[in-house]
Amino acid sequence: MTKFRGDKYYLSNMFPCVLKINGNTFKCVEAAFQSFKTTDPNTRRLFSMMSGFQAKRFGRTVKLRPDWEDIKVEVMRRILKIKFQGELGNKLASEEDDTLIEEND
């Protein structure tokens, strides 16, 4: 599998789900991830109102926090752990494939 589409869309960072992180509620993993690019709480709050596609676009315009390159993988790891608690985690655990890879353009 190389695309998170159809019945695998729940694996996508754009998949709608509620994530409560540091006092903000995000609509998907992508919005939460993009919010961590900045340390400004007002800008971070803006991401909580966006879809994943809006957040990805807006994330390209924010001033990056100085440590972004050092922390971004760990940030994604923590956000995904939150996403896959509960029902989505059970669904992921029931996947038959051992390897999940998403291609990006």
PDB file of N, CA and C in Angstrom:
ATOM      1  N   MET A   1       0.847  -1.171   0.000  1.00  0.00           N
ATOM      2  CA  MET A   1       0.000   0.000   0.000  1.00  0.00           C
ATOM      3  C   MET A   1       0.894   1.237   0.000  1.00  0.00           C
ATOM      4  N   THR A   2       0.607   2.169  -0.912  1.00  0.00           N
ATOM      5  CA  THR A   2       1.412   3.378  -0.969  1.00  0.00           C
ATOM      6  C   THR A   2       0.579   4.654  -0.912  1.00  0.00           C
ATOM      7  N   LYS A   3      -0.713   4.524  -0.806  1.00  0.00           N
ATOM      8  CA  LYS A   3      -1.592   5.696  -0.716  1.00  0.00           C
ATOM      9  C   LYS A   3      -2.608   5.467   0.393  1.00  0.00           C
ATOM     10  N   PHE A   4      -2.818   6.466   1.213  1.00  0.00           N
ATOM     11  CA  PHE A   4      -3.824   6.373   2.262  1.00  0.00           C
ATOM     12  C   PHE A   4      -5.139   6.945   1.733  1.00  0.00           C
ATOM     13  N   ARG A   5      -5.815   6.132   0.926  1.00  0.00           N
ATOM     14  CA  ARG A   5      -7.072   6.518   0.301  1.00  0.00           C
ATOM     15  C   ARG A   5      -8.131   5.458   0.618  1.00  0.00           C
ATOM     16  N   GLY A   6      -9.371   5.781   0.298  1.00  0.00           N
ATOM     17  CA  GLY A   6     -10.449   4.826   0.497  1.00  0.00           C
ATOM     18  C   GLY A   6     -10.555   4.391   1.943  1.00  0.00           C
ATOM     19  N   ASP A   7     -10.617   3.072   2.166  1.00  0.00           N
ATOM     20  CA  ASP A   7     -10.768   2.570   3.531  1.00  0.00           C
ATOM     21  C   ASP A   7      -9.500   2.766   4.376  1.00  0.00           C
ATOM     22  N   LYS A   8      -8.415   3.214   3.759  1.00  0.00           N
ATOM     23  CA  LYS A   8      -7.169   3.502   4.493  1.00  0.00           C
ATOM     24  C   LYS A   8      -6.981   4.999   4.756  1.00  0.00           C
ATOM     25  N   TYR A   9      -7.972   5.801   4.370  1.00  0.00           N
ATOM     26  CA  TYR A   9      -7.839   7.250   4.545  1.00  0.00           C
ATOM     27  C   TYR A   9      -7.650   7.635   6.011  1.00  0.00           C
ATOM     28  N   TYR A  10      -8.165   6.840   6.920  1.00  0.00           N
ATOM     29  CA  TYR A  10      -8.010   7.150   8.338  1.00  0.00           C
ATOM     30  C   TYR A  10      -6.540   7.225   8.752  1.00  0.00           C
ATOM     31  N   LEU A  11      -5.636   6.665   7.945  1.00  0.00           N
ATOM     32  CA  LEU A  11      -4.202   6.723   8.230  1.00  0.00           C
ATOM     33  C   LEU A  11      -3.582   8.063   7.838  1.00  0.00           C
ATOM     34  N   SER A  12      -4.254   8.819   6.992  1.00  0.00           N
ATOM     35  CA  SER A  12      -3.738  10.089   6.507  1.00  0.00           C
ATOM     36  C   SER A  12      -3.707  11.147   7.615  1.00  0.00           C
ATOM     37  N   ASN A  13      -2.730  12.015   7.535  1.00  0.00           N
ATOM     38  CA  ASN A  13      -2.665  13.140   8.478  1.00  0.00           C
ATOM     39  C   ASN A  13      -3.769  14.152   8.219  1.00  0.00           C
ATOM     40  N   MET A  14      -4.448  14.043   7.087  1.00  0.00           N
ATOM     41  CA  MET A  14      -5.551  14.944   6.744  1.00  0.00           C
ATOM     42  C   MET A  14      -6.895  14.406   7.237  1.00  0.00           C
ATOM     43  N   PHE A  15      -6.926  13.169   7.687  1.00  0.00           N
ATOM     44  CA  PHE A  15      -8.173  12.540   8.134  1.00  0.00           C
ATOM     45  C   PHE A  15      -8.773  13.331   9.298  1.00  0.00           C
ATOM     46  N   PRO A  16     -10.053  13.700   9.205  1.00  0.00           N
ATOM     47  CA  PRO A  16     -10.692  14.460  10.280  1.00  0.00           C
ATOM     48  C   PRO A  16     -10.774  13.658  11.581  1.00  0.00           C
ATOM     49  N   CYS A  17     -10.222  14.219  12.623  1.00  0.00           N
ATOM     50  CA  CYS A  17     -10.310  13.633  13.959  1.00  0.00           C
ATOM     51  C   CYS A  17     -10.073  14.750  14.968  1.00  0.00           C
ATOM     52  N   VAL A  18     -10.534  14.569  16.166  1.00  0.00           N
ATOM     53  CA  VAL A  18     -10.382  15.590  17.197  1.00  0.00           C
ATOM     54  C   VAL A  18      -9.127  15.288  18.010  1.00  0.00           C
ATOM     55  N   LEU A  19      -8.235  16.284  18.058  1.00  0.00           N
ATOM     56  CA  LEU A  19      -6.988  16.149  18.820  1.00  0.00           C
ATOM     57  C   LEU A  19      -6.878  17.312  19.787  1.00  0.00           C
ATOM     58  N   LYS A  20      -6.831  17.014  21.070  1.00  0.00           N
ATOM     59  CA  LYS A  20      -6.682  18.053  22.082  1.00  0.00           C
ATOM     60  C   LYS A  20      -5.235  18.049  22.557  1.00  0.00           C
ATOM     61  N   ILE A  21      -4.540  19.156  22.272  1.00  0.00           N
ATOM     62  CA  ILE A  21      -3.112  19.248  22.577  1.00  0.00           C
ATOM     63  C   ILE A  21      -2.804  20.628  23.137  1.00  0.00           C
ATOM     64  N   ASN A  22      -2.240  20.656  24.321  1.00  0.00           N
ATOM     65  CA  ASN A  22      -1.793  21.909  24.951  1.00  0.00           C
ATOM     66  C   ASN A  22      -2.875  22.996  24.948  1.00  0.00           C
ATOM     67  N   GLY A  23      -4.100  22.628  25.266  1.00  0.00           N
ATOM     68  CA  GLY A  23      -5.180  23.602  25.367  1.00  0.00           C
ATOM     69  C   GLY A  23      -5.844  23.971  24.051  1.00  0.00           C
ATOM     70  N   ASN A  24      -5.371  23.422  22.949  1.00  0.00           N
ATOM     71  CA  ASN A  24      -5.990  23.662  21.643  1.00  0.00           C
ATOM     72  C   ASN A  24      -6.626  22.370  21.139  1.00  0.00           C
ATOM     73  N   THR A  25      -7.708  22.510  20.376  1.00  0.00           N
ATOM     74  CA  THR A  25      -8.357  21.369  19.761  1.00  0.00           C
ATOM     75  C   THR A  25      -8.204  21.497  18.251  1.00  0.00           C
ATOM     76  N   PHE A  26      -7.602  20.488  17.645  1.00  0.00           N
ATOM     77  CA  PHE A  26      -7.329  20.503  16.211  1.00  0.00           C
ATOM     78  C   PHE A  26      -8.256  19.535  15.488  1.00  0.00           C
ATOM     79  N   LYS A  27      -8.446  19.787  14.186  1.00  0.00           N
ATOM     80  CA  LYS A  27      -9.355  18.991  13.373  1.00  0.00           C
ATOM     81  C   LYS A  27      -8.683  17.799  12.721  1.00  0.00           C
ATOM     82  N   CYS A  28      -7.350  17.768  12.745  1.00  0.00           N
ATOM     83  CA  CYS A  28      -6.617  16.662  12.146  1.00  0.00           C
ATOM     84  C   CYS A  28      -5.146  16.753  12.549  1.00  0.00           C
ATOM     85  N   VAL A  29      -4.398  15.707  12.281  1.00  0.00           N
ATOM     86  CA  VAL A  29      -2.972  15.654  12.612  1.00  0.00           C
ATOM     87  C   VAL A  29      -2.207  16.769  11.906  1.00  0.00           C
ATOM     88  N   GLU A  30      -2.492  16.993  10.634  1.00  0.00           N
ATOM     89  CA  GLU A  30      -1.744  17.996   9.872  1.00  0.00           C
ATOM     90  C   GLU A  30      -1.851  19.382  10.495  1.00  0.00           C
ATOM     91  N   ALA A  31      -3.045  19.765  10.911  1.00  0.00           N
ATOM     92  CA  ALA A  31      -3.234  21.073  11.532  1.00  0.00           C
ATOM     93  C   ALA A  31      -2.451  21.169  12.847  1.00  0.00           C
ATOM     94  N   ALA A  32      -2.494  20.121  13.642  1.00  0.00           N
ATOM     95  CA  ALA A  32      -1.741  20.119  14.897  1.00  0.00           C
ATOM     96  C   ALA A  32      -0.244  20.210  14.627  1.00  0.00           C
ATOM     97  N   PHE A  33       0.243  19.412  13.698  1.00  0.00           N
ATOM     98  CA  PHE A  33       1.668  19.401  13.360  1.00  0.00           C
ATOM     99  C   PHE A  33       2.130  20.777  12.885  1.00  0.00           C
ATOM    100  N   GLN A  34       1.394  21.367  11.971  1.00  0.00           N
ATOM    101  CA  GLN A  34       1.772  22.674  11.445  1.00  0.00           C
ATOM    102  C   GLN A  34       1.800  23.736  12.544  1.00  0.00           C
ATOM    103  N   SER A  35       0.918  23.604  13.524  1.00  0.00           N
ATOM    104  CA  SER A  35       0.866  24.596  14.609  1.00  0.00           C
ATOM    105  C   SER A  35       2.154  24.625  15.424  1.00  0.00           C
ATOM    106  N   PHE A  36       2.842  23.507  15.485  1.00  0.00           N
ATOM    107  CA  PHE A  36       4.067  23.452  16.275  1.00  0.00           C
ATOM    108  C   PHE A  36       5.252  24.102  15.574  1.00  0.00           C
ATOM    109  N   LYS A  37       5.074  24.549  14.341  1.00  0.00           N
ATOM    110  CA  LYS A  37       6.146  25.254  13.651  1.00  0.00           C
ATOM    111  C   LYS A  37       6.433  26.619  14.285  1.00  0.00           C
ATOM    112  N   THR A  38       5.480  27.116  15.042  1.00  0.00           N
ATOM    113  CA  THR A  38       5.606  28.433  15.664  1.00  0.00           C
ATOM    114  C   THR A  38       5.496  28.327  17.176  1.00  0.00           C
ATOM    115  N   THR A  39       6.077  29.290  17.858  1.00  0.00           N
ATOM    116  CA  THR A  39       5.921  29.355  19.313  1.00  0.00           C
ATOM    117  C   THR A  39       4.885  30.402  19.701  1.00  0.00           C
ATOM    118  N   ASP A  40       4.353  31.131  18.718  1.00  0.00           N
ATOM    119  CA  ASP A  40       3.368  32.173  18.992  1.00  0.00           C
ATOM    120  C   ASP A  40       2.002  31.547  19.278  1.00  0.00           C
ATOM    121  N   PRO A  41       1.467  31.744  20.487  1.00  0.00           N
ATOM    122  CA  PRO A  41       0.200  31.091  20.838  1.00  0.00           C
ATOM    123  C   PRO A  41      -0.982  31.546  19.973  1.00  0.00           C
ATOM    124  N   ASN A  42      -0.993  32.789  19.530  1.00  0.00           N
ATOM    125  CA  ASN A  42      -2.097  33.270  18.692  1.00  0.00           C
ATOM    126  C   ASN A  42      -2.061  32.622  17.311  1.00  0.00           C
ATOM    127  N   THR A  43      -0.884  32.500  16.744  1.00  0.00           N
ATOM    128  CA  THR A  43      -0.754  31.828  15.447  1.00  0.00           C
ATOM    129  C   THR A  43      -1.094  30.356  15.587  1.00  0.00           C
ATOM    130  N   ARG A  44      -0.637  29.744  16.666  1.00  0.00           N
ATOM    131  CA  ARG A  44      -0.924  28.328  16.903  1.00  0.00           C
ATOM    132  C   ARG A  44      -2.433  28.097  16.995  1.00  0.00           C
ATOM    133  N   ARG A  45      -3.124  29.019  17.635  1.00  0.00           N
ATOM    134  CA  ARG A  45      -4.577  28.905  17.783  1.00  0.00           C
ATOM    135  C   ARG A  45      -5.278  28.957  16.421  1.00  0.00           C
ATOM    136  N   LEU A  46      -4.736  29.739  15.490  1.00  0.00           N
ATOM    137  CA  LEU A  46      -5.326  29.821  14.149  1.00  0.00           C
ATOM    138  C   LEU A  46      -5.374  28.445  13.479  1.00  0.00           C
ATOM    139  N   PHE A  47      -4.344  27.659  13.685  1.00  0.00           N
ATOM    140  CA  PHE A  47      -4.297  26.322  13.077  1.00  0.00           C
ATOM    141  C   PHE A  47      -5.440  25.438  13.567  1.00  0.00           C
ATOM    142  N   SER A  48      -5.927  25.690  14.771  1.00  0.00           N
ATOM    143  CA  SER A  48      -6.994  24.856  15.325  1.00  0.00           C
ATOM    144  C   SER A  48      -8.314  25.046  14.574  1.00  0.00           C
ATOM    145  N   MET A  49      -8.414  26.093  13.783  1.00  0.00           N
ATOM    146  CA  MET A  49      -9.642  26.360  13.028  1.00  0.00           C
ATOM    147  C   MET A  49      -9.555  25.870  11.588  1.00  0.00           C
ATOM    148  N   MET A  50      -8.432  25.275  11.208  1.00  0.00           N
ATOM    149  CA  MET A  50      -8.185  24.940   9.805  1.00  0.00           C
ATOM    150  C   MET A  50      -8.302  23.456   9.511  1.00  0.00           C
ATOM    151  N   SER A  51      -8.652  23.182   8.256  1.00  0.00           N
ATOM    152  CA  SER A  51      -8.556  21.808   7.765  1.00  0.00           C
ATOM    153  C   SER A  51      -7.069  21.495   7.566  1.00  0.00           C
ATOM    154  N   GLY A  52      -6.758  20.258   7.305  1.00  0.00           N
ATOM    155  CA  GLY A  52      -5.367  19.885   7.084  1.00  0.00           C
ATOM    156  C   GLY A  52      -4.749  20.588   5.888  1.00  0.00           C
ATOM    157  N   PHE A  53      -5.522  20.719   4.817  1.00  0.00           N
ATOM    158  CA  PHE A  53      -4.999  21.352   3.602  1.00  0.00           C
ATOM    159  C   PHE A  53      -4.771  22.848   3.819  1.00  0.00           C
ATOM    160  N   GLN A  54      -5.691  23.492   4.538  1.00  0.00           N
ATOM    161  CA  GLN A  54      -5.504  24.907   4.866  1.00  0.00           C
ATOM    162  C   GLN A  54      -4.278  25.087   5.758  1.00  0.00           C
ATOM    163  N   ALA A  55      -4.136  24.214   6.747  1.00  0.00           N
ATOM    164  CA  ALA A  55      -3.014  24.305   7.681  1.00  0.00           C
ATOM    165  C   ALA A  55      -1.677  24.090   6.976  1.00  0.00           C
ATOM    166  N   LYS A  56      -1.638  23.142   6.065  1.00  0.00           N
ATOM    167  CA  LYS A  56      -0.401  22.875   5.337  1.00  0.00           C
ATOM    168  C   LYS A  56       0.026  24.101   4.536  1.00  0.00           C
ATOM    169  N   ARG A  57      -0.948  24.726   3.882  1.00  0.00           N
ATOM    170  CA  ARG A  57      -0.669  25.938   3.109  1.00  0.00           C
ATOM    171  C   ARG A  57      -0.205  27.074   4.018  1.00  0.00           C
ATOM    172  N   PHE A  58      -0.944  27.295   5.106  1.00  0.00           N
ATOM    173  CA  PHE A  58      -0.606  28.376   6.029  1.00  0.00           C
ATOM    174  C   PHE A  58       0.731  28.116   6.722  1.00  0.00           C
ATOM    175  N   GLY A  59       1.019  26.859   6.989  1.00  0.00           N
ATOM    176  CA  GLY A  59       2.272  26.499   7.650  1.00  0.00           C
ATOM    177  C   GLY A  59       3.508  26.907   6.860  1.00  0.00           C
ATOM    178  N   ARG A  60       3.357  27.054   5.564  1.00  0.00           N
ATOM    179  CA  ARG A  60       4.486  27.489   4.726  1.00  0.00           C
ATOM    180  C   ARG A  60       4.788  28.975   4.899  1.00  0.00           C
ATOM    181  N   THR A  61       3.881  29.714   5.547  1.00  0.00           N
ATOM    182  CA  THR A  61       4.046  31.166   5.664  1.00  0.00           C
ATOM    183  C   THR A  61       4.517  31.616   7.044  1.00  0.00           C
ATOM    184  N   VAL A  62       4.470  30.731   8.033  1.00  0.00           N
ATOM    185  CA  VAL A  62       4.818  31.154   9.391  1.00  0.00           C
ATOM    186  C   VAL A  62       6.331  31.175   9.595  1.00  0.00           C
ATOM    187  N   LYS A  63       6.752  32.029  10.514  1.00  0.00           N
ATOM    188  CA  LYS A  63       8.162  32.067  10.887  1.00  0.00           C
ATOM    189  C   LYS A  63       8.444  30.829  11.731  1.00  0.00           C
ATOM    190  N   LEU A  64       9.377  30.006  11.258  1.00  0.00           N
ATOM    191  CA  LEU A  64       9.686  28.754  11.954  1.00  0.00           C
ATOM    192  C   LEU A  64      10.384  29.011  13.274  1.00  0.00           C
ATOM    193  N   ARG A  65      10.008  28.241  14.255  1.00  0.00           N
ATOM    194  CA  ARG A  65      10.716  28.297  15.537  1.00  0.00           C
ATOM    195  C   ARG A  65      12.158  27.835  15.308  1.00  0.00           C
ATOM    196  N   PRO A  66      13.110  28.339  16.057  1.00  0.00           N
ATOM    197  CA  PRO A  66      14.521  28.033  15.792  1.00  0.00           C
ATOM    198  C   PRO A  66      14.878  26.553  15.898  1.00  0.00           C
ATOM    199  N   ASP A  67      14.162  25.806  16.703  1.00  0.00           N
ATOM    200  CA  ASP A  67      14.495  24.394  16.908  1.00  0.00           C
ATOM    201  C   ASP A  67      13.654  23.443  16.065  1.00  0.00           C
ATOM    202  N   TRP A  68      12.918  23.967  15.081  1.00  0.00           N
ATOM    203  CA  TRP A  68      11.971  23.145  14.328  1.00  0.00           C
ATOM    204  C   TRP A  68      12.605  21.909  13.712  1.00  0.00           C
ATOM    205  N   GLU A  69      13.722  22.058  13.055  1.00  0.00           N
ATOM    206  CA  GLU A  69      14.365  20.908  12.407  1.00  0.00           C
ATOM    207  C   GLU A  69      14.759  19.835  13.426  1.00  0.00           C
ATOM    208  N   ASP A  70      15.054  20.238  14.638  1.00  0.00           N
ATOM    209  CA  ASP A  70      15.458  19.296  15.677  1.00  0.00           C
ATOM    210  C   ASP A  70      14.281  18.560  16.316  1.00  0.00           C
ATOM    211  N   ILE A  71      13.107  19.179  16.323  1.00  0.00           N
ATOM    212  CA  ILE A  71      11.980  18.604  17.067  1.00  0.00           C
ATOM    213  C   ILE A  71      10.854  18.053  16.202  1.00  0.00           C
ATOM    214  N   LYS A  72      10.845  18.331  14.907  1.00  0.00           N
ATOM    215  CA  LYS A  72       9.668  18.022  14.095  1.00  0.00           C
ATOM    216  C   LYS A  72       9.308  16.533  14.048  1.00  0.00           C
ATOM    217  N   VAL A  73      10.272  15.649  14.040  1.00  0.00           N
ATOM    218  CA  VAL A  73       9.959  14.216  14.003  1.00  0.00           C
ATOM    219  C   VAL A  73       9.312  13.786  15.325  1.00  0.00           C
ATOM    220  N   GLU A  74       9.849  14.256  16.423  1.00  0.00           N
ATOM    221  CA  GLU A  74       9.269  13.919  17.726  1.00  0.00           C
ATOM    222  C   GLU A  74       7.878  14.524  17.884  1.00  0.00           C
ATOM    223  N   VAL A  75       7.671  15.725  17.370  1.00  0.00           N
ATOM    224  CA  VAL A  75       6.344  16.349  17.401  1.00  0.00           C
ATOM    225  C   VAL A  75       5.346  15.463  16.661  1.00  0.00           C
ATOM    226  N   MET A  76       5.692  15.028  15.462  1.00  0.00           N
ATOM    227  CA  MET A  76       4.792  14.167  14.692  1.00  0.00           C
ATOM    228  C   MET A  76       4.531  12.857  15.430  1.00  0.00           C
ATOM    229  N   ARG A  77       5.560  12.286  16.001  1.00  0.00           N
ATOM    230  CA  ARG A  77       5.406  11.029  16.741  1.00  0.00           C
ATOM    231  C   ARG A  77       4.395  11.200  17.879  1.00  0.00           C
ATOM    232  N   ARG A  78       4.519  12.288  18.622  1.00  0.00           N
ATOM    233  CA  ARG A  78       3.607  12.514  19.760  1.00  0.00           C
ATOM    234  C   ARG A  78       2.174  12.756  19.301  1.00  0.00           C
ATOM    235  N   ILE A  79       2.015  13.518  18.217  1.00  0.00           N
ATOM    236  CA  ILE A  79       0.666  13.781  17.709  1.00  0.00           C
ATOM    237  C   ILE A  79       0.019  12.491  17.211  1.00  0.00           C
ATOM    238  N   LEU A  80       0.782  11.662  16.512  1.00  0.00           N
ATOM    239  CA  LEU A  80       0.229  10.391  16.030  1.00  0.00           C
ATOM    240  C   LEU A  80      -0.144   9.461  17.180  1.00  0.00           C
ATOM    241  N   LYS A  81       0.606   9.491  18.258  1.00  0.00           N
ATOM    242  CA  LYS A  81       0.241   8.677  19.428  1.00  0.00           C
ATOM    243  C   LYS A  81      -1.115   9.114  19.967  1.00  0.00           C
ATOM    244  N   ILE A  82      -1.353  10.417  19.980  1.00  0.00           N
ATOM    245  CA  ILE A  82      -2.642  10.926  20.448  1.00  0.00           C
ATOM    246  C   ILE A  82      -3.750  10.488  19.487  1.00  0.00           C
ATOM    247  N   LYS A  83      -3.509  10.622  18.190  1.00  0.00           N
ATOM    248  CA  LYS A  83      -4.516  10.242  17.195  1.00  0.00           C
ATOM    249  C   LYS A  83      -4.919   8.779  17.323  1.00  0.00           C
ATOM    250  N   PHE A  84      -3.941   7.918  17.531  1.00  0.00           N
ATOM    251  CA  PHE A  84      -4.218   6.481  17.502  1.00  0.00           C
ATOM    252  C   PHE A  84      -4.504   5.874  18.874  1.00  0.00           C
ATOM    253  N   GLN A  85      -4.891   6.718  19.819  1.00  0.00           N
ATOM    254  CA  GLN A  85      -5.447   6.190  21.055  1.00  0.00           C
ATOM    255  C   GLN A  85      -6.916   5.868  20.781  1.00  0.00           C
ATOM    256  N   GLY A  86      -7.431   4.869  21.369  1.00  0.00           N
ATOM    257  CA  GLY A  86      -8.849   4.564  21.221  1.00  0.00           C
ATOM    258  C   GLY A  86      -9.203   3.872  19.917  1.00  0.00           C
ATOM    259  N   GLU A  87     -10.335   4.280  19.340  1.00  0.00           N
ATOM    260  CA  GLU A  87     -10.926   3.584  18.188  1.00  0.00           C
ATOM    261  C   GLU A  87      -9.986   3.502  16.976  1.00  0.00           C
ATOM    262  N   LEU A  88      -9.314   4.591  16.628  1.00  0.00           N
ATOM    263  CA  LEU A  88      -8.412   4.550  15.473  1.00  0.00           C
ATOM    264  C   LEU A  88      -7.211   3.650  15.735  1.00  0.00           C
ATOM    265  N   GLY A  89      -6.782   3.580  16.964  1.00  0.00           N
ATOM    266  CA  GLY A  89      -5.691   2.675  17.323  1.00  0.00           C
ATOM    267  C   GLY A  89      -6.102   1.225  17.178  1.00  0.00           C
ATOM    268  N   ASN A  90      -7.327   0.920  17.567  1.00  0.00           N
ATOM    269  CA  ASN A  90      -7.845  -0.441  17.402  1.00  0.00           C
ATOM    270  C   ASN A  90      -7.934  -0.806  15.928  1.00  0.00           C
ATOM    271  N   LYS A  91      -8.367   0.152  15.123  1.00  0.00           N
ATOM    272  CA  LYS A  91      -8.463  -0.094  13.676  1.00  0.00           C
ATOM    273  C   LYS A  91      -7.072  -0.334  13.090  1.00  0.00           C
ATOM    274  N   LEU A  92      -6.114   0.465  13.495  1.00  0.00           N
ATOM    275  CA  LEU A  92      -4.735   0.298  13.020  1.00  0.00           C
ATOM    276  C   LEU A  92      -4.176  -1.058  13.443  1.00  0.00           C
ATOM    277  N   ALA A  93      -4.431  -1.444  14.664  1.00  0.00           N
ATOM    278  CA  ALA A  93      -3.921  -2.724  15.170  1.00  0.00           C
ATOM    279  C   ALA A  93      -4.497  -3.915  14.406  1.00  0.00           C
ATOM    280  N   SER A  94      -5.671  -3.724  13.821  1.00  0.00           N
ATOM    281  CA  SER A  94      -6.301  -4.827  13.090  1.00  0.00           C
ATOM    282  C   SER A  94      -5.846  -4.909  11.630  1.00  0.00           C
ATOM    283  N   GLU A  95      -4.994  -4.000  11.182  1.00  0.00           N
ATOM    284  CA  GLU A  95      -4.507  -4.024   9.796  1.00  0.00           C
ATOM    285  C   GLU A  95      -3.726  -5.314   9.546  1.00  0.00           C
ATOM    286  N   GLU A  96      -3.933  -5.889   8.386  1.00  0.00           N
ATOM    287  CA  GLU A  96      -3.234  -7.118   8.027  1.00  0.00           C
ATOM    288  C   GLU A  96      -1.832  -6.861   7.503  1.00  0.00           C
ATOM    289  N   ASP A  97      -1.621  -5.711   6.880  1.00  0.00           N
ATOM    290  CA  ASP A  97      -0.309  -5.392   6.305  1.00  0.00           C
ATOM    291  C   ASP A  97       0.697  -5.100   7.409  1.00  0.00           C
ATOM    292  N   ASP A  98       1.898  -5.600   7.249  1.00  0.00           N
ATOM    293  CA  ASP A  98       2.953  -5.316   8.219  1.00  0.00           C
ATOM    294  C   ASP A  98       3.616  -3.963   7.959  1.00  0.00           C
ATOM    295  N   THR A  99       3.626  -3.537   6.698  1.00  0.00           N
ATOM    296  CA  THR A  99       4.305  -2.306   6.324  1.00  0.00           C
ATOM    297  C   THR A  99       3.314  -1.322   5.729  1.00  0.00           C
ATOM    298  N   LEU A 100       3.281  -0.116   6.284  1.00  0.00           N
ATOM    299  CA  LEU A 100       2.436   0.942   5.773  1.00  0.00           C
ATOM    300  C   LEU A 100       3.343   2.076   5.322  1.00  0.00           C
ATOM    301  N   ILE A 101       3.247   2.457   4.070  1.00  0.00           N
ATOM    302  CA  ILE A 101       4.088   3.509   3.508  1.00  0.00           C
ATOM    303  C   ILE A 101       3.203   4.457   2.731  1.00  0.00           C
ATOM    304  N   GLU A 102       3.336   5.756   2.978  1.00  0.00           N
ATOM    305  CA  GLU A 102       2.588   6.721   2.202  1.00  0.00           C
ATOM    306  C   GLU A 102       3.545   7.461   1.276  1.00  0.00           C
ATOM    307  N   GLU A 103       3.190   7.489   0.002  1.00  0.00           N
ATOM    308  CA  GLU A 103       3.972   8.246  -0.971  1.00  0.00           C
ATOM    309  C   GLU A 103       3.504   9.688  -0.975  1.00  0.00           C
ATOM    310  N   ASN A 104       4.412  10.594  -1.200  1.00  0.00           N
ATOM    311  CA  ASN A 104       4.070  12.010  -1.355  1.00  0.00           C
ATOM    312  C   ASN A 104       4.701  12.533  -2.631  1.00  0.00           C
ATOM    313  N   ASP A 105       4.028  13.507  -3.215  1.00  0.00           N
ATOM    314  CA  ASP A 105       4.574  14.134  -4.421  1.00  0.00           C
ATOM    315  C   ASP A 105       5.639  15.153  -4.058  1.00  0.00           C
TER     316      ASP A 105
END
